[in-house]
Amino acid sequence: MSIDLGFAPCTVSGLEVGIVDVPGHENFIKTMVAGASGIDGAIFVIAADDGVMPQTREHLDILTLLGVKYGVVALTKVDCVEPERVQNVTAEVKDFLVGTFLEDAPILPVSGITGQ
């Protein structure tokens, strides 16, 4: 669990990109807001074993208030649940994102264990 901001520069297709890792826990919401201020896009992380949680909703609201317009959804921990759960959570996430800047964003299933 991140409690501090993390920063990582990288180059994507010749474009310099700065990645800011912000905490997801509700106790660190001020840190999340500080880290998200001034960003252009988001990798919106949702764990497949948890699905959409209250802090997921709060973070999406904050990103919307900050004017973020671009993003992708990373559905993490897909190796920890059955494929049916991944399908169900993906559907839940799609429903949750209707009417938001992430409505048409790709939902990418990922695993830190398998490298997917």
N, C-alpha and C. Protein backbone atom coordinates (compact mmCIF):
# COMPACT_ATOMS: atom_id res chain seq x y z
N MET A 1 0.85 -1.17 0.00
CA MET A 1 0.00 0.00 0.00
C MET A 1 0.90 1.24 0.00
N SER A 2 0.64 2.13 -0.94
CA SER A 2 1.37 3.40 -1.00
C SER A 2 0.81 4.35 0.06
N ILE A 3 1.71 4.99 0.81
CA ILE A 3 1.25 6.04 1.73
C ILE A 3 1.87 7.38 1.36
N ASP A 4 2.92 7.34 0.56
CA ASP A 4 3.57 8.56 0.08
C ASP A 4 3.44 8.61 -1.43
N LEU A 5 3.72 9.78 -1.98
CA LEU A 5 3.73 9.91 -3.43
C LEU A 5 4.98 9.26 -3.99
N GLY A 6 4.82 8.58 -5.12
CA GLY A 6 5.96 8.01 -5.83
C GLY A 6 6.04 8.63 -7.21
N PHE A 7 7.24 8.88 -7.70
CA PHE A 7 7.42 9.51 -9.01
C PHE A 7 8.36 8.66 -9.85
N ALA A 8 8.02 8.51 -11.14
CA ALA A 8 8.88 7.75 -12.05
C ALA A 8 8.78 8.37 -13.44
N PRO A 9 9.92 8.84 -13.98
CA PRO A 9 9.90 9.34 -15.36
C PRO A 9 10.08 8.17 -16.33
N CYS A 10 9.48 8.29 -17.50
CA CYS A 10 9.70 7.29 -18.55
C CYS A 10 9.40 7.91 -19.91
N THR A 11 9.85 7.24 -20.94
CA THR A 11 9.61 7.70 -22.31
C THR A 11 8.69 6.70 -23.00
N VAL A 12 7.60 7.21 -23.55
CA VAL A 12 6.62 6.38 -24.25
C VAL A 12 6.47 6.93 -25.66
N SER A 13 6.86 6.15 -26.65
CA SER A 13 6.78 6.57 -28.06
C SER A 13 7.43 7.93 -28.27
N GLY A 14 8.59 8.14 -27.63
CA GLY A 14 9.32 9.40 -27.78
C GLY A 14 8.81 10.54 -26.94
N LEU A 15 7.76 10.32 -26.18
CA LEU A 15 7.16 11.35 -25.34
C LEU A 15 7.60 11.13 -23.89
N GLU A 16 8.11 12.21 -23.27
CA GLU A 16 8.50 12.12 -21.86
C GLU A 16 7.23 12.11 -21.00
N VAL A 17 7.11 11.08 -20.17
CA VAL A 17 5.94 10.92 -19.32
C VAL A 17 6.41 10.83 -17.88
N GLY A 18 5.72 11.53 -17.00
CA GLY A 18 5.98 11.42 -15.57
C GLY A 18 4.85 10.66 -14.91
N ILE A 19 5.17 9.59 -14.22
CA ILE A 19 4.15 8.79 -13.55
C ILE A 19 4.18 9.15 -12.07
N VAL A 20 3.00 9.42 -11.53
CA VAL A 20 2.86 9.73 -10.11
C VAL A 20 2.00 8.64 -9.48
N ASP A 21 2.56 7.93 -8.51
CA ASP A 21 1.82 6.91 -7.78
C ASP A 21 1.24 7.57 -6.53
N VAL A 22 -0.09 7.53 -6.43
CA VAL A 22 -0.74 8.17 -5.28
C VAL A 22 -1.39 7.09 -4.42
N PRO A 23 -1.51 7.35 -3.12
CA PRO A 23 -2.13 6.36 -2.24
C PRO A 23 -3.61 6.20 -2.53
N GLY A 24 -4.11 4.98 -2.34
CA GLY A 24 -5.53 4.73 -2.55
C GLY A 24 -6.33 4.67 -1.26
N HIS A 25 -5.66 4.54 -0.13
CA HIS A 25 -6.36 4.40 1.14
C HIS A 25 -7.00 5.71 1.56
N GLU A 26 -8.20 5.61 2.14
CA GLU A 26 -8.96 6.80 2.52
C GLU A 26 -8.22 7.69 3.52
N ASN A 27 -7.33 7.14 4.33
CA ASN A 27 -6.59 7.95 5.29
C ASN A 27 -5.57 8.87 4.64
N PHE A 28 -5.29 8.65 3.35
CA PHE A 28 -4.27 9.43 2.65
C PHE A 28 -4.84 10.23 1.50
N ILE A 29 -6.10 10.63 1.61
CA ILE A 29 -6.78 11.34 0.52
C ILE A 29 -6.12 12.68 0.22
N LYS A 30 -5.63 13.38 1.23
CA LYS A 30 -4.95 14.66 0.99
C LYS A 30 -3.69 14.46 0.14
N THR A 31 -2.97 13.39 0.42
CA THR A 31 -1.77 13.08 -0.36
C THR A 31 -2.15 12.73 -1.79
N MET A 32 -3.26 12.01 -1.96
CA MET A 32 -3.72 11.67 -3.30
C MET A 32 -4.05 12.93 -4.09
N VAL A 33 -4.77 13.86 -3.48
CA VAL A 33 -5.14 15.10 -4.15
C VAL A 33 -3.88 15.89 -4.53
N ALA A 34 -2.93 15.97 -3.61
CA ALA A 34 -1.69 16.71 -3.89
C ALA A 34 -0.95 16.09 -5.07
N GLY A 35 -0.90 14.78 -5.14
CA GLY A 35 -0.20 14.11 -6.22
C GLY A 35 -0.93 14.19 -7.55
N ALA A 36 -2.25 14.23 -7.50
CA ALA A 36 -3.05 14.23 -8.74
C ALA A 36 -3.22 15.62 -9.33
N SER A 37 -2.94 16.65 -8.57
CA SER A 37 -3.10 18.02 -9.09
C SER A 37 -2.16 18.24 -10.27
N GLY A 38 -2.70 18.72 -11.37
CA GLY A 38 -1.89 19.04 -12.53
C GLY A 38 -1.61 17.89 -13.48
N ILE A 39 -2.23 16.74 -13.27
CA ILE A 39 -1.99 15.63 -14.19
C ILE A 39 -2.91 15.72 -15.40
N ASP A 40 -2.50 15.08 -16.48
CA ASP A 40 -3.30 15.07 -17.71
C ASP A 40 -4.10 13.79 -17.88
N GLY A 41 -3.58 12.69 -17.36
CA GLY A 41 -4.23 11.41 -17.54
C GLY A 41 -4.02 10.53 -16.34
N ALA A 42 -4.78 9.44 -16.28
CA ALA A 42 -4.71 8.56 -15.11
C ALA A 42 -4.70 7.10 -15.53
N ILE A 43 -3.94 6.31 -14.79
CA ILE A 43 -4.10 4.86 -14.81
C ILE A 43 -4.93 4.57 -13.57
N PHE A 44 -6.19 4.30 -13.79
CA PHE A 44 -7.15 4.14 -12.70
C PHE A 44 -7.14 2.67 -12.29
N VAL A 45 -6.65 2.38 -11.10
CA VAL A 45 -6.41 1.01 -10.65
C VAL A 45 -7.57 0.51 -9.80
N ILE A 46 -8.10 -0.64 -10.21
CA ILE A 46 -9.17 -1.30 -9.46
C ILE A 46 -8.76 -2.77 -9.31
N ALA A 47 -8.79 -3.28 -8.09
CA ALA A 47 -8.40 -4.67 -7.84
C ALA A 47 -9.56 -5.61 -8.16
N ALA A 48 -9.27 -6.69 -8.88
CA ALA A 48 -10.30 -7.64 -9.27
C ALA A 48 -10.91 -8.35 -8.07
N ASP A 49 -10.15 -8.51 -7.00
CA ASP A 49 -10.70 -9.18 -5.83
C ASP A 49 -11.62 -8.27 -5.01
N ASP A 50 -11.45 -6.95 -5.13
CA ASP A 50 -12.29 -6.00 -4.39
C ASP A 50 -13.41 -5.42 -5.24
N GLY A 51 -13.13 -5.13 -6.49
CA GLY A 51 -14.11 -4.44 -7.33
C GLY A 51 -14.17 -2.96 -6.96
N VAL A 52 -15.27 -2.32 -7.31
CA VAL A 52 -15.44 -0.89 -7.04
C VAL A 52 -15.71 -0.70 -5.55
N MET A 53 -14.84 0.07 -4.90
CA MET A 53 -14.94 0.34 -3.47
C MET A 53 -15.28 1.82 -3.25
N PRO A 54 -15.64 2.21 -2.02
CA PRO A 54 -15.95 3.63 -1.76
C PRO A 54 -14.82 4.57 -2.17
N GLN A 55 -13.55 4.18 -1.92
CA GLN A 55 -12.45 5.07 -2.30
C GLN A 55 -12.27 5.13 -3.82
N THR A 56 -12.72 4.09 -4.52
CA THR A 56 -12.71 4.13 -5.99
C THR A 56 -13.59 5.27 -6.47
N ARG A 57 -14.77 5.36 -5.88
CA ARG A 57 -15.72 6.41 -6.24
C ARG A 57 -15.15 7.79 -5.89
N GLU A 58 -14.55 7.90 -4.71
CA GLU A 58 -13.96 9.18 -4.28
C GLU A 58 -12.85 9.61 -5.23
N HIS A 59 -11.99 8.69 -5.61
CA HIS A 59 -10.87 9.04 -6.49
C HIS A 59 -11.36 9.46 -7.87
N LEU A 60 -12.38 8.80 -8.38
CA LEU A 60 -12.92 9.20 -9.67
C LEU A 60 -13.53 10.60 -9.58
N ASP A 61 -14.24 10.87 -8.49
CA ASP A 61 -14.80 12.22 -8.28
C ASP A 61 -13.70 13.27 -8.24
N ILE A 62 -12.61 12.97 -7.54
CA ILE A 62 -11.50 13.92 -7.43
C ILE A 62 -10.85 14.15 -8.79
N LEU A 63 -10.60 13.08 -9.53
CA LEU A 63 -10.01 13.23 -10.86
C LEU A 63 -10.91 14.07 -11.76
N THR A 64 -12.21 13.88 -11.65
CA THR A 64 -13.16 14.67 -12.44
C THR A 64 -13.10 16.14 -12.03
N LEU A 65 -13.08 16.40 -10.72
CA LEU A 65 -12.99 17.79 -10.24
C LEU A 65 -11.69 18.45 -10.67
N LEU A 66 -10.62 17.68 -10.79
CA LEU A 66 -9.32 18.22 -11.21
C LEU A 66 -9.24 18.41 -12.72
N GLY A 67 -10.27 17.97 -13.43
CA GLY A 67 -10.31 18.18 -14.87
C GLY A 67 -9.53 17.17 -15.70
N VAL A 68 -9.24 16.02 -15.12
CA VAL A 68 -8.53 14.98 -15.87
C VAL A 68 -9.46 14.48 -16.98
N LYS A 69 -8.90 14.33 -18.17
CA LYS A 69 -9.73 13.98 -19.33
C LYS A 69 -9.36 12.64 -19.98
N TYR A 70 -8.22 12.07 -19.62
CA TYR A 70 -7.74 10.87 -20.28
C TYR A 70 -7.38 9.81 -19.26
N GLY A 71 -7.52 8.55 -19.67
CA GLY A 71 -7.09 7.50 -18.77
C GLY A 71 -7.38 6.11 -19.29
N VAL A 72 -6.81 5.15 -18.60
CA VAL A 72 -7.08 3.73 -18.81
C VAL A 72 -7.36 3.14 -17.44
N VAL A 73 -8.04 2.00 -17.44
CA VAL A 73 -8.33 1.31 -16.19
C VAL A 73 -7.46 0.06 -16.13
N ALA A 74 -6.73 -0.11 -15.04
CA ALA A 74 -5.95 -1.32 -14.81
C ALA A 74 -6.71 -2.17 -13.80
N LEU A 75 -7.20 -3.30 -14.25
CA LEU A 75 -7.87 -4.24 -13.36
C LEU A 75 -6.81 -5.21 -12.85
N THR A 76 -6.37 -4.98 -11.61
CA THR A 76 -5.24 -5.72 -11.06
C THR A 76 -5.69 -6.98 -10.33
N LYS A 77 -4.72 -7.79 -9.97
CA LYS A 77 -4.92 -9.02 -9.20
C LYS A 77 -5.82 -10.03 -9.91
N VAL A 78 -5.79 -10.02 -11.25
CA VAL A 78 -6.64 -10.96 -11.98
C VAL A 78 -6.20 -12.41 -11.77
N ASP A 79 -4.96 -12.60 -11.31
CA ASP A 79 -4.47 -13.94 -11.00
C ASP A 79 -5.00 -14.46 -9.67
N CYS A 80 -5.61 -13.60 -8.87
CA CYS A 80 -6.09 -13.97 -7.54
C CYS A 80 -7.55 -14.42 -7.52
N VAL A 81 -8.23 -14.29 -8.65
CA VAL A 81 -9.65 -14.61 -8.71
C VAL A 81 -9.94 -15.50 -9.91
N GLU A 82 -11.10 -16.10 -9.90
CA GLU A 82 -11.53 -16.94 -11.02
C GLU A 82 -11.86 -16.07 -12.23
N PRO A 83 -11.74 -16.62 -13.43
CA PRO A 83 -12.06 -15.85 -14.64
C PRO A 83 -13.48 -15.26 -14.62
N GLU A 84 -14.43 -15.98 -14.03
CA GLU A 84 -15.80 -15.46 -13.95
C GLU A 84 -15.84 -14.18 -13.11
N ARG A 85 -15.05 -14.13 -12.04
CA ARG A 85 -14.99 -12.92 -11.20
C ARG A 85 -14.41 -11.76 -12.02
N VAL A 86 -13.39 -12.02 -12.82
CA VAL A 86 -12.81 -10.97 -13.66
C VAL A 86 -13.89 -10.42 -14.60
N GLN A 87 -14.67 -11.30 -15.21
CA GLN A 87 -15.75 -10.86 -16.10
C GLN A 87 -16.79 -10.04 -15.35
N ASN A 88 -17.17 -10.48 -14.15
CA ASN A 88 -18.18 -9.77 -13.37
C ASN A 88 -17.69 -8.39 -12.93
N VAL A 89 -16.44 -8.32 -12.48
CA VAL A 89 -15.89 -7.04 -12.04
C VAL A 89 -15.71 -6.11 -13.24
N THR A 90 -15.30 -6.65 -14.38
CA THR A 90 -15.18 -5.82 -15.58
C THR A 90 -16.53 -5.21 -15.94
N ALA A 91 -17.60 -5.98 -15.85
CA ALA A 91 -18.95 -5.45 -16.12
C ALA A 91 -19.33 -4.40 -15.09
N GLU A 92 -19.00 -4.65 -13.81
CA GLU A 92 -19.28 -3.68 -12.75
C GLU A 92 -18.55 -2.37 -13.01
N VAL A 93 -17.29 -2.46 -13.41
CA VAL A 93 -16.48 -1.27 -13.69
C VAL A 93 -17.05 -0.50 -14.87
N LYS A 94 -17.43 -1.20 -15.93
CA LYS A 94 -18.03 -0.54 -17.09
C LYS A 94 -19.28 0.23 -16.69
N ASP A 95 -20.14 -0.39 -15.89
CA ASP A 95 -21.36 0.29 -15.42
C ASP A 95 -21.01 1.51 -14.57
N PHE A 96 -20.02 1.35 -13.71
CA PHE A 96 -19.59 2.44 -12.82
C PHE A 96 -19.07 3.64 -13.60
N LEU A 97 -18.41 3.39 -14.72
CA LEU A 97 -17.76 4.47 -15.47
C LEU A 97 -18.67 5.18 -16.47
N VAL A 98 -19.90 4.71 -16.65
CA VAL A 98 -20.82 5.36 -17.59
C VAL A 98 -21.00 6.82 -17.19
N GLY A 99 -20.86 7.71 -18.17
CA GLY A 99 -21.04 9.14 -17.94
C GLY A 99 -19.82 9.86 -17.39
N THR A 100 -18.68 9.15 -17.29
CA THR A 100 -17.46 9.76 -16.77
C THR A 100 -16.43 9.87 -17.89
N PHE A 101 -15.33 10.56 -17.61
CA PHE A 101 -14.28 10.69 -18.62
C PHE A 101 -13.63 9.35 -18.95
N LEU A 102 -13.85 8.34 -18.13
CA LEU A 102 -13.30 7.01 -18.37
C LEU A 102 -14.30 6.05 -19.02
N GLU A 103 -15.45 6.56 -19.43
CA GLU A 103 -16.49 5.69 -19.97
C GLU A 103 -15.99 4.82 -21.13
N ASP A 104 -15.19 5.38 -22.01
CA ASP A 104 -14.69 4.63 -23.17
C ASP A 104 -13.25 4.16 -23.00
N ALA A 105 -12.73 4.28 -21.79
CA ALA A 105 -11.34 3.87 -21.54
C ALA A 105 -11.20 2.35 -21.61
N PRO A 106 -10.07 1.89 -22.11
CA PRO A 106 -9.85 0.44 -22.08
C PRO A 106 -9.69 -0.05 -20.64
N ILE A 107 -10.19 -1.25 -20.38
CA ILE A 107 -10.01 -1.90 -19.08
C ILE A 107 -9.02 -3.03 -19.32
N LEU A 108 -7.83 -2.88 -18.74
CA LEU A 108 -6.73 -3.81 -18.99
C LEU A 108 -6.54 -4.75 -17.80
N PRO A 109 -6.78 -6.06 -17.99
CA PRO A 109 -6.53 -7.01 -16.90
C PRO A 109 -5.03 -7.19 -16.71
N VAL A 110 -4.55 -7.04 -15.49
CA VAL A 110 -3.11 -7.14 -15.23
C VAL A 110 -2.84 -7.97 -13.97
N SER A 111 -1.63 -8.52 -13.93
CA SER A 111 -1.17 -9.28 -12.78
C SER A 111 0.30 -9.02 -12.56
N GLY A 112 0.65 -8.65 -11.35
CA GLY A 112 2.05 -8.47 -11.00
C GLY A 112 2.77 -9.80 -10.84
N ILE A 113 2.03 -10.87 -10.64
CA ILE A 113 2.62 -12.19 -10.45
C ILE A 113 2.94 -12.85 -11.79
N THR A 114 1.96 -12.85 -12.69
CA THR A 114 2.14 -13.54 -13.97
C THR A 114 2.72 -12.65 -15.05
N GLY A 115 2.70 -11.34 -14.83
CA GLY A 115 3.19 -10.40 -15.83
C GLY A 115 2.17 -10.05 -16.89
N GLN A 116 0.96 -10.55 -16.73
CA GLN A 116 -0.11 -10.23 -17.68
C GLN A 116 -0.39 -8.76 -17.69
